[in-house]
C-alpha atoms as a PDB file:
ATOM      1  CA  MET A   1      13.603 -31.720  72.041  1.00  0.00           C
ATOM      2  CA  SER A   2      15.854 -32.154  69.029  1.00  0.00           C
ATOM      3  CA  SER A   3      17.771 -35.376  68.656  1.00  0.00           C
ATOM      4  CA  LEU A   4      20.348 -36.862  66.335  1.00  0.00           C
ATOM      5  CA  LEU A   5      18.241 -40.027  66.173  1.00  0.00           C
ATOM      6  CA  GLU A   6      15.301 -38.041  64.773  1.00  0.00           C
ATOM      7  CA  ILE A   7      17.482 -36.364  62.180  1.00  0.00           C
ATOM      8  CA  SER A   8      19.135 -39.641  61.161  1.00  0.00           C
ATOM      9  CA  ALA A   9      15.790 -41.406  60.906  1.00  0.00           C
ATOM     10  CA  GLU A  10      14.212 -38.670  58.759  1.00  0.00           C
ATOM     11  CA  VAL A  11      17.240 -38.531  56.435  1.00  0.00           C
ATOM     12  CA  GLU A  12      17.100 -42.313  55.976  1.00  0.00           C
ATOM     13  CA  ILE A  13      13.334 -42.263  55.375  1.00  0.00           C
ATOM     14  CA  TYR A  14      13.711 -39.490  52.788  1.00  0.00           C
ATOM     15  CA  PHE A  15      16.281 -41.490  50.838  1.00  0.00           C
ATOM     16  CA  ARG A  16      14.484 -44.830  51.291  1.00  0.00           C
ATOM     17  CA  ASP A  17      11.184 -43.413  50.027  1.00  0.00           C
ATOM     18  CA  GLY A  18      12.484 -41.205  47.218  1.00  0.00           C
ATOM     19  CA  TRP A  19      15.906 -42.277  45.952  1.00  0.00           C
ATOM     20  CA  THR A  20      15.684 -44.880  43.186  1.00  0.00           C
ATOM     21  CA  ASP A  21      18.883 -44.271  41.199  1.00  0.00           C
ATOM     22  CA  THR A  22      21.182 -46.639  43.133  1.00  0.00           C
ATOM     23  CA  ALA A  23      21.377 -49.021  46.049  1.00  0.00           C
ATOM     24  CA  ILE A  24      21.806 -47.325  49.456  1.00  0.00           C
ATOM     25  CA  GLN A  25      24.099 -48.371  52.282  1.00  0.00           C
ATOM     26  CA  TYR A  26      22.731 -47.256  55.669  1.00  0.00           C
ATOM     27  CA  PRO A  27      24.788 -46.981  58.867  1.00  0.00           C
ATOM     28  CA  ASP A  28      25.216 -50.123  60.954  1.00  0.00           C
ATOM     29  CA  THR A  29      23.820 -52.431  58.269  1.00  0.00           C
ATOM     30  CA  SER A  30      25.583 -55.073  56.231  1.00  0.00           C
ATOM     31  CA  PHE A  31      25.973 -54.154  52.595  1.00  0.00           C
ATOM     32  CA  ASN A  32      27.452 -56.037  49.662  1.00  0.00           C
ATOM     33  CA  TYR A  33      28.581 -53.798  46.813  1.00  0.00           C
ATOM     34  CA  ASN A  34      30.076 -56.647  44.765  1.00  0.00           C
ATOM     35  CA  GLY A  35      28.636 -56.525  41.270  1.00  0.00           C
ATOM     36  CA  LEU A  36      27.266 -53.002  41.704  1.00  0.00           C
ATOM     37  CA  ASP A  37      28.317 -50.244  39.328  1.00  0.00           C
ATOM     38  CA  ALA A  38      26.865 -47.495  41.538  1.00  0.00           C
ATOM     39  CA  TRP A  39      25.694 -47.008  45.108  1.00  0.00           C
ATOM     40  CA  ILE A  40      25.546 -44.404  47.861  1.00  0.00           C
ATOM     41  CA  ALA A  41      26.230 -44.591  51.594  1.00  0.00           C
ATOM     42  CA  ILE A  42      24.678 -42.281  54.206  1.00  0.00           C
ATOM     43  CA  ASP A  43      26.079 -41.179  57.569  1.00  0.00           C
ATOM     44  CA  VAL A  44      24.721 -38.506  59.964  1.00  0.00           C
ATOM     45  CA  ASN A  45      26.784 -36.958  62.769  1.00  0.00           C
ATOM     46  CA  PRO A  46      26.070 -34.184  65.300  1.00  0.00           C
ATOM     47  CA  VAL A  47      27.852 -30.863  64.922  1.00  0.00           C
ATOM     48  CA  PHE A  48      26.460 -28.686  67.751  1.00  0.00           C
ATOM     49  CA  ASN A  49      23.420 -27.793  69.844  1.00  0.00           C
ATOM     50  CA  GLU A  50      22.392 -24.208  70.370  1.00  0.00           C
ATOM     51  CA  GLN A  51      19.843 -22.609  72.633  1.00  0.00           C
ATOM     52  CA  ILE A  52      17.955 -19.784  70.954  1.00  0.00           C
ATOM     53  CA  GLY A  53      16.480 -17.506  73.624  1.00  0.00           C
ATOM     54  CA  MET A  54      14.983 -14.249  72.416  1.00  0.00           C
ATOM     55  CA  ASP A  55      14.800 -12.844  75.951  1.00  0.00           C
ATOM     56  CA  GLY A  56      18.418 -13.636  76.816  1.00  0.00           C
ATOM     57  CA  THR A  57      17.577 -16.840  78.648  1.00  0.00           C
ATOM     58  CA  SER A  58      17.844 -20.454  77.617  1.00  0.00           C
ATOM     59  CA  THR A  59      14.072 -20.926  77.665  1.00  0.00           C
ATOM     60  CA  GLY A  60      13.710 -20.267  73.933  1.00  0.00           C
ATOM     61  CA  ARG A  61      13.982 -22.710  71.075  1.00  0.00           C
ATOM     62  CA  GLU A  62      16.781 -25.201  70.629  1.00  0.00           C
ATOM     63  CA  SER A  63      18.501 -26.095  67.404  1.00  0.00           C
ATOM     64  CA  LEU A  64      20.577 -29.163  66.638  1.00  0.00           C
ATOM     65  CA  THR A  65      22.932 -28.990  63.691  1.00  0.00           C
ATOM     66  CA  ALA A  66      24.144 -32.210  62.118  1.00  0.00           C
ATOM     67  CA  GLN A  67      26.200 -33.150  59.115  1.00  0.00           C
ATOM     68  CA  ALA A  68      24.658 -35.661  56.750  1.00  0.00           C
ATOM     69  CA  SER A  69      27.381 -37.173  54.601  1.00  0.00           C
ATOM     70  CA  VAL A  70      26.461 -38.980  51.416  1.00  0.00           C
ATOM     71  CA  PHE A  71      29.230 -41.000  49.806  1.00  0.00           C
ATOM     72  CA  CYS A  72      28.730 -41.560  46.074  1.00  0.00           C
ATOM     73  CA  TYR A  73      30.406 -44.550  44.406  1.00  0.00           C
ATOM     74  CA  ARG A  74      30.804 -45.231  40.685  1.00  0.00           C
ATOM     75  CA  ARG A  75      33.268 -47.178  38.563  1.00  0.00           C
ATOM     76  CA  SER A  76      34.199 -44.077  36.556  1.00  0.00           C
ATOM     77  CA  LYS A  77      35.179 -40.598  37.691  1.00  0.00           C
ATOM     78  CA  LYS A  78      32.820 -38.880  35.257  1.00  0.00           C
ATOM     79  CA  LEU A  79      29.864 -41.007  36.390  1.00  0.00           C
ATOM     80  CA  ALA A  80      30.771 -40.457  40.058  1.00  0.00           C
ATOM     81  CA  ILE A  81      30.592 -36.705  39.502  1.00  0.00           C
ATOM     82  CA  LYS A  82      27.200 -37.104  37.789  1.00  0.00           C
ATOM     83  CA  LEU A  83      25.917 -39.234  40.695  1.00  0.00           C
ATOM     84  CA  ALA A  84      27.102 -36.617  43.219  1.00  0.00           C
ATOM     85  CA  ASP A  85      25.295 -33.902  41.254  1.00  0.00           C
ATOM     86  CA  ASP A  86      22.123 -36.016  41.237  1.00  0.00           C
ATOM     87  CA  VAL A  87      22.323 -36.545  45.016  1.00  0.00           C
ATOM     88  CA  LYS A  88      22.863 -32.817  45.539  1.00  0.00           C
ATOM     89  CA  SER A  89      19.790 -31.984  43.440  1.00  0.00           C
ATOM     90  CA  PHE A  90      17.715 -34.594  45.281  1.00  0.00           C
ATOM     91  CA  PHE A  91      18.653 -33.591  48.848  1.00  0.00           C
ATOM     92  CA  SER A  92      19.703 -29.889  48.951  1.00  0.00           C
ATOM     93  CA  GLY A  93      17.179 -27.442  50.344  1.00  0.00           C
ATOM     94  CA  VAL A  94      14.530 -29.966  51.340  1.00  0.00           C
ATOM     95  CA  ASP A  95      12.321 -29.672  54.402  1.00  0.00           C
ATOM     96  CA  LEU A  96      11.878 -32.929  56.299  1.00  0.00           C
ATOM     97  CA  PRO A  97       9.282 -33.697  58.966  1.00  0.00           C
ATOM     98  CA  LYS A  98       9.920 -32.685  62.590  1.00  0.00           C
ATOM     99  CA  ASP A  99      11.170 -29.183  61.671  1.00  0.00           C
ATOM    100  CA  ILE A 100      14.292 -30.467  59.936  1.00  0.00           C
ATOM    101  CA  ARG A 101      15.854 -28.396  57.150  1.00  0.00           C
ATOM    102  CA  VAL A 102      18.572 -29.626  54.773  1.00  0.00           C
ATOM    103  CA  ASN A 103      20.767 -26.747  53.699  1.00  0.00           C
ATOM    104  CA  TYR A 104      23.771 -26.648  51.425  1.00  0.00           C
ATOM    105  CA  ALA A 105      26.029 -29.381  50.092  1.00  0.00           C
ATOM    106  CA  GLN A 106      29.782 -29.240  50.018  1.00  0.00           C
ATOM    107  CA  TYR A 107      31.730 -31.587  47.753  1.00  0.00           C
ATOM    108  CA  ASN A 108      34.985 -33.350  48.538  1.00  0.00           C
ATOM    109  CA  PRO A 109      37.166 -33.980  45.482  1.00  0.00           C
ATOM    110  CA  PRO A 110      36.779 -37.321  43.677  1.00  0.00           C
ATOM    111  CA  ASN A 111      38.913 -40.056  45.202  1.00  0.00           C
ATOM    112  CA  GLU A 112      39.924 -43.224  43.336  1.00  0.00           C
ATOM    113  CA  LEU A 113      39.789 -46.232  45.660  1.00  0.00           C
ATOM    114  CA  ASP A 114      41.983 -49.320  45.336  1.00  0.00           C
ATOM    115  CA  ASN A 115      39.236 -51.389  43.726  1.00  0.00           C
ATOM    116  CA  GLY A 116      38.771 -49.076  40.716  1.00  0.00           C
ATOM    117  CA  VAL A 117      35.770 -47.340  42.240  1.00  0.00           C
ATOM    118  CA  TRP A 118      35.551 -43.561  42.493  1.00  0.00           C
ATOM    119  CA  GLU A 119      34.179 -41.989  45.685  1.00  0.00           C
ATOM    120  CA  ILE A 120      32.818 -38.477  46.130  1.00  0.00           C
ATOM    121  CA  LYS A 121      31.670 -37.315  49.550  1.00  0.00           C
ATOM    122  CA  LEU A 122      28.975 -34.671  49.887  1.00  0.00           C
ATOM    123  CA  ASN A 123      28.418 -33.004  53.260  1.00  0.00           C
ATOM    124  CA  PHE A 124      25.008 -31.475  53.933  1.00  0.00           C
ATOM    125  CA  ASN A 125      24.310 -29.069  56.779  1.00  0.00           C
ATOM    126  CA  VAL A 126      21.081 -30.278  58.471  1.00  0.00           C
ATOM    127  CA  VAL A 127      19.310 -28.285  61.210  1.00  0.00           C
ATOM    128  CA  GLN A 128      16.384 -29.254  63.418  1.00  0.00           C
ATOM    129  CA  TYR A 129      14.539 -26.645  65.470  1.00  0.00           C
ATOM    130  CA  SER A 130      12.388 -27.387  68.483  1.00  0.00           C
END
């Protein structure tokens, strides 16, 4: 059985074990970005469940599609774009445990926040089959 908790956990483990470029803010944790020049934040949300039945029934495999959003923060627009490119290279197309596949990334345009920090949001399509 696919679950959003499994997907979220595997995404977090992948970043925790492999991402060394910046600090990482995980969902539902306190995080202090004061004094940081760069960091990322991760959020995973469900998109839809789908039954895949080859015989026309719902007894086949199930897939759960989620969106993993990675927010990239830098104190310059150019460096924020570079960080977003690095995250995309690190996370696009990877296979995670538990039959989880990370597909494409879609960028949101750079956004200058009130505190002089630039934010770029990347959305990754993540699918788990069971």
